[in-house]
């Protein structure tokens, strides 16, 4: 049985690692992040919905009385 030649494994793994690092750095560098993120007020996001003003109930067919 011939032996497995592992002489090129080091350079292959090293080049793959460097390539992945470069690719991820390029992908991350394309994102734009805000300089000063500020928390948003939750009170300003409250919106009135028409169904909040009235009481509604959904009847399941199984909960209705038998006829």
Protein backbone atom coordinates (compact mmCIF):
# COMPACT_ATOMS: atom_id res chain seq x y z
CA UNK A 1 0.00 0.00 0.00
CA UNK A 2 1.38 3.43 -0.90
CA UNK A 3 1.79 5.95 1.88
CA UNK A 4 -0.20 9.14 1.97
CA UNK A 5 1.89 12.13 0.94
CA UNK A 6 1.36 14.83 3.59
CA UNK A 7 4.12 17.17 2.49
CA UNK A 8 1.70 19.70 0.94
CA UNK A 9 -0.85 19.69 3.77
CA UNK A 10 0.77 22.51 5.71
CA UNK A 11 0.84 24.97 2.82
CA UNK A 12 -2.70 23.97 1.79
CA UNK A 13 -4.13 24.54 5.26
CA UNK A 14 -2.16 27.75 5.70
CA UNK A 15 -3.30 29.21 2.37
CA UNK A 16 -6.91 28.18 3.03
CA UNK A 17 -6.86 29.87 6.43
CA UNK A 18 -5.37 33.05 5.02
CA UNK A 19 -7.89 33.11 2.18
CA UNK A 20 -10.82 32.67 4.55
CA UNK A 21 -9.49 35.44 6.79
CA UNK A 22 -9.14 37.82 3.85
CA UNK A 23 -12.60 36.98 2.50
CA UNK A 24 -14.23 37.56 5.88
CA UNK A 25 -12.36 40.82 6.36
CA UNK A 26 -13.56 42.04 2.98
CA UNK A 27 -17.14 41.05 3.75
CA UNK A 28 -17.09 42.75 7.15
CA UNK A 29 -15.48 45.92 5.80
CA UNK A 30 -18.42 46.49 3.43
CA UNK A 31 -20.91 46.89 6.31
CA UNK A 32 -21.70 50.40 7.46
CA UNK A 33 -22.13 50.74 11.20
CA UNK A 34 -23.56 53.85 12.92
CA UNK A 35 -21.03 56.00 14.73
CA UNK A 36 -23.19 56.88 17.74
CA UNK A 37 -26.03 54.43 18.26
CA UNK A 38 -28.66 55.88 20.55
CA UNK A 39 -31.50 53.99 22.24
CA UNK A 40 -34.91 54.60 20.73
CA UNK A 41 -37.76 55.73 22.89
CA UNK A 42 -40.33 52.96 23.28
CA UNK A 43 -43.09 55.43 24.12
CA UNK A 44 -42.85 57.08 20.70
CA UNK A 45 -43.34 53.73 18.94
CA UNK A 46 -46.79 53.11 20.48
CA UNK A 47 -49.44 53.17 17.76
CA UNK A 48 -53.15 53.01 18.13
CA UNK A 49 -54.83 50.09 16.36
CA UNK A 50 -58.55 49.93 15.59
CA UNK A 51 -58.91 46.53 17.28
CA UNK A 52 -57.46 47.82 20.55
CA UNK A 53 -60.54 50.00 21.15
CA UNK A 54 -63.10 47.20 21.18
CA UNK A 55 -63.34 43.77 22.70
CA UNK A 56 -63.37 40.92 20.24
CA UNK A 57 -63.66 37.19 20.69
CA UNK A 58 -62.93 34.46 18.19
CA UNK A 59 -65.20 31.46 18.55
CA UNK A 60 -63.75 28.07 17.86
CA UNK A 61 -66.20 25.70 16.09
CA UNK A 62 -65.55 23.09 18.78
CA UNK A 63 -66.53 25.47 21.60
CA UNK A 64 -69.93 26.36 20.13
CA UNK A 65 -72.99 24.65 21.62
CA UNK A 66 -74.32 21.58 19.86
CA UNK A 67 -77.39 22.08 17.70
